[in-house]
PDB file of N, CA and C in Angstrom:
ATOM      1  N   MET A   1     -14.329  11.155   1.327  1.00  0.00           N
ATOM      2  CA  MET A   1     -13.085  10.081   1.108  1.00  0.00           C
ATOM      3  C   MET A   1     -11.771  10.727   2.349  1.00  0.00           C
ATOM      4  N   ALA A   2     -11.264  10.312   3.104  1.00  0.00           N
ATOM      5  CA  ALA A   2     -10.243  10.838   3.843  1.00  0.00           C
ATOM      6  C   ALA A   2      -8.861   9.925   3.127  1.00  0.00           C
ATOM      7  N   TYR A   3      -7.957  10.446   2.731  1.00  0.00           N
ATOM      8  CA  TYR A   3      -6.895  10.028   2.307  1.00  0.00           C
ATOM      9  C   TYR A   3      -5.437  10.011   3.205  1.00  0.00           C
ATOM     10  N   ASN A   4      -4.607   9.180   3.253  1.00  0.00           N
ATOM     11  CA  ASN A   4      -2.770   8.801   4.025  1.00  0.00           C
ATOM     12  C   ASN A   4      -2.315   8.537   2.854  1.00  0.00           C
ATOM     13  N   LEU A   5      -0.831   9.178   3.028  1.00  0.00           N
ATOM     14  CA  LEU A   5       0.081   8.541   2.468  1.00  0.00           C
ATOM     15  C   LEU A   5       1.127   8.204   3.276  1.00  0.00           C
ATOM     16  N   ILE A   6       1.773   7.060   3.089  1.00  0.00           N
ATOM     17  CA  ILE A   6       2.611   6.236   3.952  1.00  0.00           C
ATOM     18  C   ILE A   6       3.607   5.857   3.058  1.00  0.00           C
ATOM     19  N   ARG A   7       4.927   6.298   3.785  1.00  0.00           N
ATOM     20  CA  ARG A   7       6.266   6.415   2.947  1.00  0.00           C
ATOM     21  C   ARG A   7       7.182   5.702   4.060  1.00  0.00           C
ATOM     22  N   TYR A   8       8.151   4.613   3.153  1.00  0.00           N
ATOM     23  CA  TYR A   8       8.947   3.955   4.118  1.00  0.00           C
ATOM     24  C   TYR A   8      10.123   3.173   3.136  1.00  0.00           C
ATOM     25  N   GLY A   9      11.109   3.342   3.399  1.00  0.00           N
ATOM     26  CA  GLY A   9      12.635   2.656   3.151  1.00  0.00           C
ATOM     27  C   GLY A   9      12.755   1.081   3.243  1.00  0.00           C
ATOM     28  N   VAL A  10      12.598   0.287   2.422  1.00  0.00           N
ATOM     29  CA  VAL A  10      12.856  -0.964   2.810  1.00  0.00           C
ATOM     30  C   VAL A  10      14.353  -1.494   2.571  1.00  0.00           C
ATOM     31  N   LYS A  11      14.801  -2.629   3.110  1.00  0.00           N
ATOM     32  CA  LYS A  11      16.009  -2.925   3.296  1.00  0.00           C
ATOM     33  C   LYS A  11      16.372  -3.896   2.004  1.00  0.00           C
ATOM     34  N   ASP A  12      17.431  -3.967   1.076  1.00  0.00           N
ATOM     35  CA  ASP A  12      17.824  -4.248   0.194  1.00  0.00           C
ATOM     36  C   ASP A  12      17.248  -5.538  -0.033  1.00  0.00           C
ATOM     37  N   ALA A  13      17.790  -6.637   1.170  1.00  0.00           N
ATOM     38  CA  ALA A  13      17.513  -8.043   0.936  1.00  0.00           C
ATOM     39  C   ALA A  13      15.828  -7.991   1.481  1.00  0.00           C
ATOM     40  N   SER A  14      14.718  -7.170   1.702  1.00  0.00           N
ATOM     41  CA  SER A  14      13.802  -7.581   1.850  1.00  0.00           C
ATOM     42  C   SER A  14      12.854  -6.892   0.849  1.00  0.00           C
ATOM     43  N   ILE A  15      13.188  -6.332  -0.309  1.00  0.00           N
ATOM     44  CA  ILE A  15      12.359  -5.588  -1.173  1.00  0.00           C
ATOM     45  C   ILE A  15      11.336  -6.596  -1.799  1.00  0.00           C
ATOM     46  N   ALA A  16      11.957  -8.029  -2.146  1.00  0.00           N
ATOM     47  CA  ALA A  16      10.877  -8.995  -2.843  1.00  0.00           C
ATOM     48  C   ALA A  16      10.314  -9.344  -2.162  1.00  0.00           C
ATOM     49  N   GLN A  17      10.502  -9.643  -0.681  1.00  0.00           N
ATOM     50  CA  GLN A  17       9.285 -10.009   0.539  1.00  0.00           C
ATOM     51  C   GLN A  17       8.373  -8.785   0.531  1.00  0.00           C
ATOM     52  N   ASN A  18       8.762  -7.983   0.455  1.00  0.00           N
ATOM     53  CA  ASN A  18       7.776  -6.609   0.854  1.00  0.00           C
ATOM     54  C   ASN A  18       6.936  -6.342  -0.270  1.00  0.00           C
ATOM     55  N   ARG A  19       7.450  -6.206  -1.616  1.00  0.00           N
ATOM     56  CA  ARG A  19       6.571  -6.559  -2.845  1.00  0.00           C
ATOM     57  C   ARG A  19       5.509  -7.990  -2.983  1.00  0.00           C
ATOM     58  N   ALA A  20       6.076  -9.144  -2.372  1.00  0.00           N
ATOM     59  CA  ALA A  20       4.944 -10.187  -2.190  1.00  0.00           C
ATOM     60  C   ALA A  20       4.103 -10.249  -1.371  1.00  0.00           C
ATOM     61  N   LEU A  21       4.169  -9.526  -0.415  1.00  0.00           N
ATOM     62  CA  LEU A  21       3.177  -9.240   0.676  1.00  0.00           C
ATOM     63  C   LEU A  21       2.167  -8.262   0.280  1.00  0.00           C
ATOM     64  N   VAL A  22       2.936  -7.209  -0.196  1.00  0.00           N
ATOM     65  CA  VAL A  22       2.017  -6.112  -0.781  1.00  0.00           C
ATOM     66  C   VAL A  22       0.856  -6.992  -1.836  1.00  0.00           C
ATOM     67  N   ALA A  23       1.436  -7.574  -2.738  1.00  0.00           N
ATOM     68  CA  ALA A  23       0.394  -8.255  -3.559  1.00  0.00           C
ATOM     69  C   ALA A  23      -0.835  -9.297  -2.915  1.00  0.00           C
ATOM     70  N   LYS A  24       0.159 -10.162  -1.969  1.00  0.00           N
ATOM     71  CA  LYS A  24      -1.083 -10.626  -1.563  1.00  0.00           C
ATOM     72  C   LYS A  24      -2.234  -9.589  -0.615  1.00  0.00           C
ATOM     73  N   VAL A  25      -1.839  -8.569  -0.094  1.00  0.00           N
ATOM     74  CA  VAL A  25      -2.964  -7.599   0.104  1.00  0.00           C
ATOM     75  C   VAL A  25      -3.691  -7.362  -0.950  1.00  0.00           C
ATOM     76  N   PHE A  26      -3.405  -6.951  -2.374  1.00  0.00           N
ATOM     77  CA  PHE A  26      -4.023  -6.772  -3.658  1.00  0.00           C
ATOM     78  C   PHE A  26      -5.008  -7.625  -3.682  1.00  0.00           C
ATOM     79  N   GLU A  27      -4.330  -8.939  -3.726  1.00  0.00           N
ATOM     80  CA  GLU A  27      -5.173 -10.054  -4.148  1.00  0.00           C
ATOM     81  C   GLU A  27      -6.348 -10.631  -3.155  1.00  0.00           C
ATOM     82  N   ALA A  28      -6.210 -10.232  -1.716  1.00  0.00           N
ATOM     83  CA  ALA A  28      -7.504 -10.144  -0.696  1.00  0.00           C
ATOM     84  C   ALA A  28      -8.207  -9.029  -1.060  1.00  0.00           C
ATOM     85  N   LEU A  29      -7.901  -8.031  -1.513  1.00  0.00           N
ATOM     86  CA  LEU A  29      -8.856  -6.707  -1.945  1.00  0.00           C
ATOM     87  C   LEU A  29      -9.742  -7.140  -2.772  1.00  0.00           C
ATOM     88  N   ASN A  30      -8.955  -7.566  -4.089  1.00  0.00           N
ATOM     89  CA  ASN A  30      -9.606  -8.185  -5.081  1.00  0.00           C
ATOM     90  C   ASN A  30     -10.475  -9.264  -5.340  1.00  0.00           C
ATOM     91  N   GLU A  31     -10.446 -10.273  -3.896  1.00  0.00           N
ATOM     92  CA  GLU A  31     -11.519 -11.074  -3.673  1.00  0.00           C
ATOM     93  C   GLU A  31     -12.355 -10.329  -2.802  1.00  0.00           C
ATOM     94  N   LYS A  32     -12.344  -9.614  -1.616  1.00  0.00           N
ATOM     95  CA  LYS A  32     -13.348  -8.847  -1.192  1.00  0.00           C
ATOM     96  C   LYS A  32     -13.989  -8.018  -1.709  1.00  0.00           C
ATOM     97  N   GLN A  33     -13.363  -7.018  -2.527  1.00  0.00           N
ATOM     98  CA  GLN A  33     -13.821  -5.779  -3.028  1.00  0.00           C
ATOM     99  C   GLN A  33     -14.816  -5.129  -2.406  1.00  0.00           C
ATOM    100  N   PRO A  34     -13.975  -4.753  -1.151  1.00  0.00           N
ATOM    101  CA  PRO A  34     -15.001  -3.352   0.019  1.00  0.00           C
ATOM    102  C   PRO A  34     -14.832  -2.254  -1.121  1.00  0.00           C
ATOM    103  N   GLN A  35     -15.948  -1.568  -1.088  1.00  0.00           N
ATOM    104  CA  GLN A  35     -16.304  -0.374  -1.599  1.00  0.00           C
ATOM    105  C   GLN A  35     -15.782   0.398  -0.756  1.00  0.00           C
ATOM    106  N   SER A  36     -15.453   0.653   0.508  1.00  0.00           N
ATOM    107  CA  SER A  36     -14.935   1.944   1.437  1.00  0.00           C
ATOM    108  C   SER A  36     -13.894   2.122   1.362  1.00  0.00           C
ATOM    109  N   VAL A  37     -12.730   1.755  -0.010  1.00  0.00           N
ATOM    110  CA  VAL A  37     -11.755   1.666   0.283  1.00  0.00           C
ATOM    111  C   VAL A  37     -10.754   2.070  -0.778  1.00  0.00           C
ATOM    112  N   ARG A  38     -10.085   2.858  -1.095  1.00  0.00           N
ATOM    113  CA  ARG A  38      -9.036   2.857  -2.503  1.00  0.00           C
ATOM    114  C   ARG A  38      -7.655   2.514  -1.790  1.00  0.00           C
ATOM    115  N   TYR A  39      -7.066   1.909  -2.813  1.00  0.00           N
ATOM    116  CA  TYR A  39      -5.668   1.617  -2.082  1.00  0.00           C
ATOM    117  C   TYR A  39      -4.689   1.519  -3.217  1.00  0.00           C
ATOM    118  N   LEU A  40      -3.581   2.434  -3.489  1.00  0.00           N
ATOM    119  CA  LEU A  40      -2.281   2.329  -4.363  1.00  0.00           C
ATOM    120  C   LEU A  40      -1.316   2.077  -3.800  1.00  0.00           C
ATOM    121  N   VAL A  41      -0.357   1.096  -4.244  1.00  0.00           N
ATOM    122  CA  VAL A  41       1.111   1.369  -3.729  1.00  0.00           C
ATOM    123  C   VAL A  41       2.318   1.396  -4.751  1.00  0.00           C
ATOM    124  N   LEU A  42       3.122   2.299  -4.511  1.00  0.00           N
ATOM    125  CA  LEU A  42       4.089   2.615  -5.703  1.00  0.00           C
ATOM    126  C   LEU A  42       5.464   2.139  -5.207  1.00  0.00           C
ATOM    127  N   GLU A  43       6.563   1.451  -5.923  1.00  0.00           N
ATOM    128  CA  GLU A  43       7.801   1.138  -5.379  1.00  0.00           C
ATOM    129  C   GLU A  43       8.745   2.288  -6.269  1.00  0.00           C
ATOM    130  N   LEU A  44       9.569   2.507  -5.630  1.00  0.00           N
ATOM    131  CA  LEU A  44      10.455   3.970  -6.048  1.00  0.00           C
ATOM    132  C   LEU A  44      12.062   3.069  -6.246  1.00  0.00           C
ATOM    133  N   GLU A  45      12.488   3.530  -7.116  1.00  0.00           N
ATOM    134  CA  GLU A  45      13.526   2.800  -7.509  1.00  0.00           C
ATOM    135  C   GLU A  45      14.770   2.816  -6.365  1.00  0.00           C
ATOM    136  N   ASN A  46      14.632   3.463  -5.457  1.00  0.00           N
ATOM    137  CA  ASN A  46      15.359   3.607  -4.366  1.00  0.00           C
ATOM    138  C   ASN A  46      15.133   2.636  -2.961  1.00  0.00           C
ATOM    139  N   GLY A  47      14.140   1.956  -3.517  1.00  0.00           N
ATOM    140  CA  GLY A  47      13.623   0.926  -2.626  1.00  0.00           C
ATOM    141  C   GLY A  47      12.579   1.646  -1.345  1.00  0.00           C
ATOM    142  N   GLU A  48      12.098   2.548  -1.662  1.00  0.00           N
ATOM    143  CA  GLU A  48      10.955   2.938  -0.918  1.00  0.00           C
ATOM    144  C   GLU A  48       9.892   2.586  -1.155  1.00  0.00           C
ATOM    145  N   PHE A  49       8.645   2.713  -0.587  1.00  0.00           N
ATOM    146  CA  PHE A  49       7.548   2.341  -0.892  1.00  0.00           C
ATOM    147  C   PHE A  49       6.912   3.131  -0.725  1.00  0.00           C
ATOM    148  N   VAL A  50       5.574   3.903  -1.365  1.00  0.00           N
ATOM    149  CA  VAL A  50       4.693   4.727  -0.881  1.00  0.00           C
ATOM    150  C   VAL A  50       3.189   4.174  -0.952  1.00  0.00           C
ATOM    151  N   HIS A  51       2.619   4.276  -0.075  1.00  0.00           N
ATOM    152  CA  HIS A  51       1.144   3.960  -0.034  1.00  0.00           C
ATOM    153  C   HIS A  51       0.365   4.781   0.033  1.00  0.00           C
ATOM    154  N   LEU A  52      -0.762   4.846  -0.763  1.00  0.00           N
ATOM    155  CA  LEU A  52      -2.008   6.033  -1.160  1.00  0.00           C
ATOM    156  C   LEU A  52      -3.309   5.541  -0.449  1.00  0.00           C
ATOM    157  N   VAL A  53      -3.805   5.421   0.809  1.00  0.00           N
ATOM    158  CA  VAL A  53      -4.713   4.659   1.139  1.00  0.00           C
ATOM    159  C   VAL A  53      -6.280   5.897   1.472  1.00  0.00           C
ATOM    160  N   GLY A  54      -7.195   5.378   0.507  1.00  0.00           N
ATOM    161  CA  GLY A  54      -8.129   6.123   0.887  1.00  0.00           C
ATOM    162  C   GLY A  54      -9.651   5.463   1.306  1.00  0.00           C
ATOM    163  N   PHE A  55     -10.502   6.155   2.314  1.00  0.00           N
ATOM    164  CA  PHE A  55     -11.474   5.267   2.979  1.00  0.00           C
ATOM    165  C   PHE A  55     -12.443   6.434   3.502  1.00  0.00           C
ATOM    166  N   ASP A  56     -13.456   5.663   3.413  1.00  0.00           N
ATOM    167  CA  ASP A  56     -14.639   6.550   4.060  1.00  0.00           C
ATOM    168  C   ASP A  56     -14.889   6.571   5.395  1.00  0.00           C
ATOM    169  N   LYS A  57     -14.941   5.791   6.493  1.00  0.00           N
ATOM    170  CA  LYS A  57     -14.797   5.876   7.837  1.00  0.00           C
ATOM    171  C   LYS A  57     -13.729   5.981   8.446  1.00  0.00           C
ATOM    172  N   ASP A  58     -13.243   4.402   7.910  1.00  0.00           N
ATOM    173  CA  ASP A  58     -11.943   4.176   8.472  1.00  0.00           C
ATOM    174  C   ASP A  58     -11.305   3.253   7.580  1.00  0.00           C
ATOM    175  N   SER A  59     -10.034   2.665   7.989  1.00  0.00           N
ATOM    176  CA  SER A  59      -9.164   1.666   6.890  1.00  0.00           C
ATOM    177  C   SER A  59      -9.612   0.255   7.257  1.00  0.00           C
ATOM    178  N   SER A  60     -10.217  -0.101   8.125  1.00  0.00           N
ATOM    179  CA  SER A  60     -10.273  -1.642   8.779  1.00  0.00           C
ATOM    180  C   SER A  60     -10.818  -2.314   7.501  1.00  0.00           C
ATOM    181  N   ALA A  61     -11.221  -1.779   6.240  1.00  0.00           N
ATOM    182  CA  ALA A  61     -11.571  -2.787   5.149  1.00  0.00           C
ATOM    183  C   ALA A  61     -10.192  -3.496   4.384  1.00  0.00           C
ATOM    184  N   ILE A  62      -8.970  -2.906   4.797  1.00  0.00           N
ATOM    185  CA  ILE A  62      -7.898  -3.187   4.750  1.00  0.00           C
ATOM    186  C   ILE A  62      -6.768  -3.763   6.171  1.00  0.00           C
ATOM    187  N   THR A  63      -6.907  -3.134   6.602  1.00  0.00           N
ATOM    188  CA  THR A  63      -6.078  -3.627   8.077  1.00  0.00           C
ATOM    189  C   THR A  63      -6.721  -4.938   8.764  1.00  0.00           C
ATOM    190  N   GLU A  64      -7.777  -5.372   8.509  1.00  0.00           N
ATOM    191  CA  GLU A  64      -8.483  -6.197   9.284  1.00  0.00           C
ATOM    192  C   GLU A  64      -8.264  -7.630   8.039  1.00  0.00           C
ATOM    193  N   LEU A  65      -7.967  -7.277   7.021  1.00  0.00           N
ATOM    194  CA  LEU A  65      -7.341  -8.635   6.166  1.00  0.00           C
ATOM    195  C   LEU A  65      -6.474  -9.272   6.845  1.00  0.00           C
ATOM    196  N   ASP A  66      -6.495 -10.419   6.434  1.00  0.00           N
ATOM    197  CA  ASP A  66      -5.156 -11.781   6.891  1.00  0.00           C
ATOM    198  C   ASP A  66      -4.237 -11.460   6.263  1.00  0.00           C
ATOM    199  N   ALA A  67      -4.256 -11.021   5.085  1.00  0.00           N
ATOM    200  CA  ALA A  67      -3.103 -10.426   4.416  1.00  0.00           C
ATOM    201  C   ALA A  67      -2.146  -9.046   4.815  1.00  0.00           C
ATOM    202  N   PHE A  68      -3.108  -8.447   5.153  1.00  0.00           N
ATOM    203  CA  PHE A  68      -2.447  -7.263   5.441  1.00  0.00           C
ATOM    204  C   PHE A  68      -1.911  -7.439   6.733  1.00  0.00           C
ATOM    205  N   LYS A  69      -2.575  -8.162   7.974  1.00  0.00           N
ATOM    206  CA  LYS A  69      -2.002  -8.811   8.879  1.00  0.00           C
ATOM    207  C   LYS A  69      -0.423  -9.319   8.871  1.00  0.00           C
ATOM    208  N   ALA A  70      -0.591 -10.078   7.949  1.00  0.00           N
ATOM    209  CA  ALA A  70       0.538 -10.874   7.567  1.00  0.00           C
ATOM    210  C   ALA A  70       2.005  -9.834   6.799  1.00  0.00           C
ATOM    211  N   PHE A  71       1.114  -8.876   6.010  1.00  0.00           N
ATOM    212  CA  PHE A  71       2.187  -7.522   5.907  1.00  0.00           C
ATOM    213  C   PHE A  71       2.643  -7.024   6.936  1.00  0.00           C
ATOM    214  N   GLY A  72       2.211  -6.497   7.767  1.00  0.00           N
ATOM    215  CA  GLY A  72       2.434  -5.518   8.759  1.00  0.00           C
ATOM    216  C   GLY A  72       3.125  -6.756  10.289  1.00  0.00           C
ATOM    217  N   ALA A  73       2.937  -7.709   9.838  1.00  0.00           N
ATOM    218  CA  ALA A  73       3.734  -8.707  11.025  1.00  0.00           C
ATOM    219  C   ALA A  73       4.864  -8.597  11.423  1.00  0.00           C
ATOM    220  N   ASP A  74       6.145  -8.182  10.622  1.00  0.00           N
ATOM    221  CA  ASP A  74       7.950  -7.820  10.776  1.00  0.00           C
ATOM    222  C   ASP A  74       8.036  -6.796   9.997  1.00  0.00           C
ATOM    223  N   HIS A  75       6.769  -5.802   9.898  1.00  0.00           N
ATOM    224  CA  HIS A  75       7.539  -4.707   9.050  1.00  0.00           C
ATOM    225  C   HIS A  75       8.426  -3.932   9.405  1.00  0.00           C
ATOM    226  N   SER A  76       8.700  -3.918  10.538  1.00  0.00           N
ATOM    227  CA  SER A  76       9.724  -2.655  11.214  1.00  0.00           C
ATOM    228  C   SER A  76      10.840  -3.521  10.932  1.00  0.00           C
ATOM    229  N   GLU A  77      10.956  -5.150  10.688  1.00  0.00           N
ATOM    230  CA  GLU A  77      12.305  -5.642  10.420  1.00  0.00           C
ATOM    231  C   GLU A  77      12.777  -5.534   9.146  1.00  0.00           C
ATOM    232  N   ARG A  78      11.824  -5.305   8.075  1.00  0.00           N
ATOM    233  CA  ARG A  78      12.115  -4.776   6.642  1.00  0.00           C
ATOM    234  C   ARG A  78      12.403  -3.678   6.372  1.00  0.00           C
ATOM    235  N   ARG A  79      11.995  -2.740   7.399  1.00  0.00           N
ATOM    236  CA  ARG A  79      12.270  -1.525   6.598  1.00  0.00           C
ATOM    237  C   ARG A  79      13.896  -0.392   7.121  1.00  0.00           C
ATOM    238  N   SER A  80      14.158   0.049   5.879  1.00  0.00           N
ATOM    239  CA  SER A  80      15.436   0.872   6.478  1.00  0.00           C
ATOM    240  C   SER A  80      15.364   2.336   6.908  1.00  0.00           C
ATOM    241  N   THR A  81      13.979   2.553   6.823  1.00  0.00           N
ATOM    242  CA  THR A  81      13.716   3.748   7.593  1.00  0.00           C
ATOM    243  C   THR A  81      12.278   4.018   8.131  1.00  0.00           C
ATOM    244  N   PRO A  82      12.305   5.208   9.149  1.00  0.00           N
ATOM    245  CA  PRO A  82      11.170   4.801   9.255  1.00  0.00           C
ATOM    246  C   PRO A  82      10.146   5.416   9.092  1.00  0.00           C
ATOM    247  N   LEU A  83       9.044   4.803   9.158  1.00  0.00           N
ATOM    248  CA  LEU A  83       7.668   5.178   8.450  1.00  0.00           C
ATOM    249  C   LEU A  83       6.909   6.430   8.697  1.00  0.00           C
ATOM    250  N   ALA A  84       6.826   6.840   7.488  1.00  0.00           N
ATOM    251  CA  ALA A  84       6.171   8.730   7.689  1.00  0.00           C
ATOM    252  C   ALA A  84       4.894   8.084   7.195  1.00  0.00           C
ATOM    253  N   ARG A  85       3.938   8.936   7.780  1.00  0.00           N
ATOM    254  CA  ARG A  85       2.328   8.827   7.311  1.00  0.00           C
ATOM    255  C   ARG A  85       1.886  10.429   7.490  1.00  0.00           C
ATOM    256  N   SER A  86       1.137  10.585   6.748  1.00  0.00           N
ATOM    257  CA  SER A  86       0.531  11.939   6.698  1.00  0.00           C
ATOM    258  C   SER A  86      -0.950  11.999   5.961  1.00  0.00           C
ATOM    259  N   ALA A  87      -1.743  12.785   6.398  1.00  0.00           N
ATOM    260  CA  ALA A  87      -3.211  12.690   5.783  1.00  0.00           C
ATOM    261  C   ALA A  87      -2.649  13.757   4.575  1.00  0.00           C
ATOM    262  N   ALA A  88      -3.440  12.854   3.525  1.00  0.00           N
ATOM    263  CA  ALA A  88      -3.148  13.660   2.210  1.00  0.00           C
ATOM    264  C   ALA A  88      -4.539  14.108   1.305  1.00  0.00           C
ATOM    265  N   LYS A  89      -4.472  15.065   0.488  1.00  0.00           N
ATOM    266  CA  LYS A  89      -5.845  15.689  -0.072  1.00  0.00           C
ATOM    267  C   LYS A  89      -5.308  15.437  -1.636  1.00  0.00           C
ATOM    268  N   ILE A  90      -6.093  14.895  -2.620  1.00  0.00           N
ATOM    269  CA  ILE A  90      -5.813  15.020  -4.030  1.00  0.00           C
ATOM    270  C   ILE A  90      -6.243  16.529  -4.830  1.00  0.00           C
ATOM    271  N   VAL A  91      -5.537  16.862  -4.842  1.00  0.00           N
ATOM    272  CA  VAL A  91      -5.502  18.384  -5.704  1.00  0.00           C
ATOM    273  C   VAL A  91      -5.865  18.108  -7.268  1.00  0.00           C
ATOM    274  N   GLY A  92      -5.155  16.773  -7.775  1.00  0.00           N
ATOM    275  CA  GLY A  92      -5.899  16.654  -8.771  1.00  0.00           C
ATOM    276  C   GLY A  92      -5.161  15.413  -9.648  1.00  0.00           C
ATOM    277  N   ASP A  93      -5.955  15.013 -10.914  1.00  0.00           N
ATOM    278  CA  ASP A  93      -5.689  13.624 -11.257  1.00  0.00           C
ATOM    279  C   ASP A  93      -5.935  13.797 -12.909  1.00  0.00           C
ATOM    280  N   TYR A  94      -5.062  13.743 -13.626  1.00  0.00           N
ATOM    281  CA  TYR A  94      -5.350  13.397 -15.252  1.00  0.00           C
ATOM    282  C   TYR A  94      -5.190  11.846 -15.402  1.00  0.00           C
ATOM    283  N   ARG A  95      -6.090  11.063 -15.798  1.00  0.00           N
ATOM    284  CA  ARG A  95      -5.996   9.876 -16.186  1.00  0.00           C
ATOM    285  C   ARG A  95      -4.673   9.203 -15.366  1.00  0.00           C
ATOM    286  N   MET A  96      -4.337   9.397 -14.128  1.00  0.00           N
ATOM    287  CA  MET A  96      -3.392   8.470 -13.824  1.00  0.00           C
ATOM    288  C   MET A  96      -3.520   7.194 -13.475  1.00  0.00           C
ATOM    289  N   LEU A  97      -4.743   6.871 -13.125  1.00  0.00           N
ATOM    290  CA  LEU A  97      -4.845   5.301 -12.922  1.00  0.00           C
ATOM    291  C   LEU A  97      -5.566   4.647 -13.566  1.00  0.00           C
ATOM    292  N   ALA A  98      -6.586   5.566 -14.227  1.00  0.00           N
ATOM    293  CA  ALA A  98      -7.677   4.948 -15.117  1.00  0.00           C
ATOM    294  C   ALA A  98      -7.168   3.576 -16.213  1.00  0.00           C
ATOM    295  N   GLY A  99      -7.541   2.271 -15.682  1.00  0.00           N
ATOM    296  CA  GLY A  99      -6.978   1.698 -16.570  1.00  0.00           C
ATOM    297  C   GLY A  99      -5.258   1.247 -16.513  1.00  0.00           C
ATOM    298  N   ALA A 100      -4.678   1.874 -15.506  1.00  0.00           N
ATOM    299  CA  ALA A 100      -3.478   1.521 -15.503  1.00  0.00           C
ATOM    300  C   ALA A 100      -3.002   0.897 -14.237  1.00  0.00           C
ATOM    301  N   ALA A 101      -3.671  -0.258 -14.006  1.00  0.00           N
ATOM    302  CA  ALA A 101      -3.522  -1.477 -13.368  1.00  0.00           C
ATOM    303  C   ALA A 101      -2.441  -2.117 -13.494  1.00  0.00           C
ATOM    304  N   GLU A 102      -1.031  -1.862 -13.800  1.00  0.00           N
ATOM    305  CA  GLU A 102       0.186  -2.503 -13.924  1.00  0.00           C
ATOM    306  C   GLU A 102       0.727  -3.119 -12.594  1.00  0.00           C
ATOM    307  N   THR A 103       1.205  -4.210 -12.604  1.00  0.00           N
ATOM    308  CA  THR A 103       1.733  -4.835 -11.644  1.00  0.00           C
ATOM    309  C   THR A 103       2.832  -5.218 -11.707  1.00  0.00           C
ATOM    310  N   VAL A 104       3.735  -4.987 -10.571  1.00  0.00           N
ATOM    311  CA  VAL A 104       5.334  -5.847 -10.748  1.00  0.00           C
ATOM    312  C   VAL A 104       5.355  -6.973 -10.421  1.00  0.00           C
ATOM    313  N   PRO A 105       5.615  -8.472 -10.911  1.00  0.00           N
ATOM    314  CA  PRO A 105       5.488  -9.720 -10.366  1.00  0.00           C
ATOM    315  C   PRO A 105       6.241  -9.660  -9.071  1.00  0.00           C
ATOM    316  N   ALA A 106       5.702 -10.297  -8.195  1.00  0.00           N
ATOM    317  CA  ALA A 106       6.628 -10.421  -7.013  1.00  0.00           C
ATOM    318  C   ALA A 106       7.696 -11.347  -6.995  1.00  0.00           C
TER     319      ALA A 106
END
């Protein structure tokens, strides 16, 4: 599985909207349940969002979702910093995500 880490800042006035759009992507993923992707989004205290995307062949199981297209539609307008994307490798994981599906209300 390949991984990408995506990080960007969001304008204060757009944080709630960004969070709500991310929540819609997770709703769509939970409905479709694609097995070829893994997806995690963190919101940092400083208004930055960090996405970790894992995929077998490509990320189209996420990017082709209507909810993801809505998320991306005006993404550049919501951002306060440029989007930074980098390939990533998981070096280790100790119980970080097992049963920890806490979500912040949109």
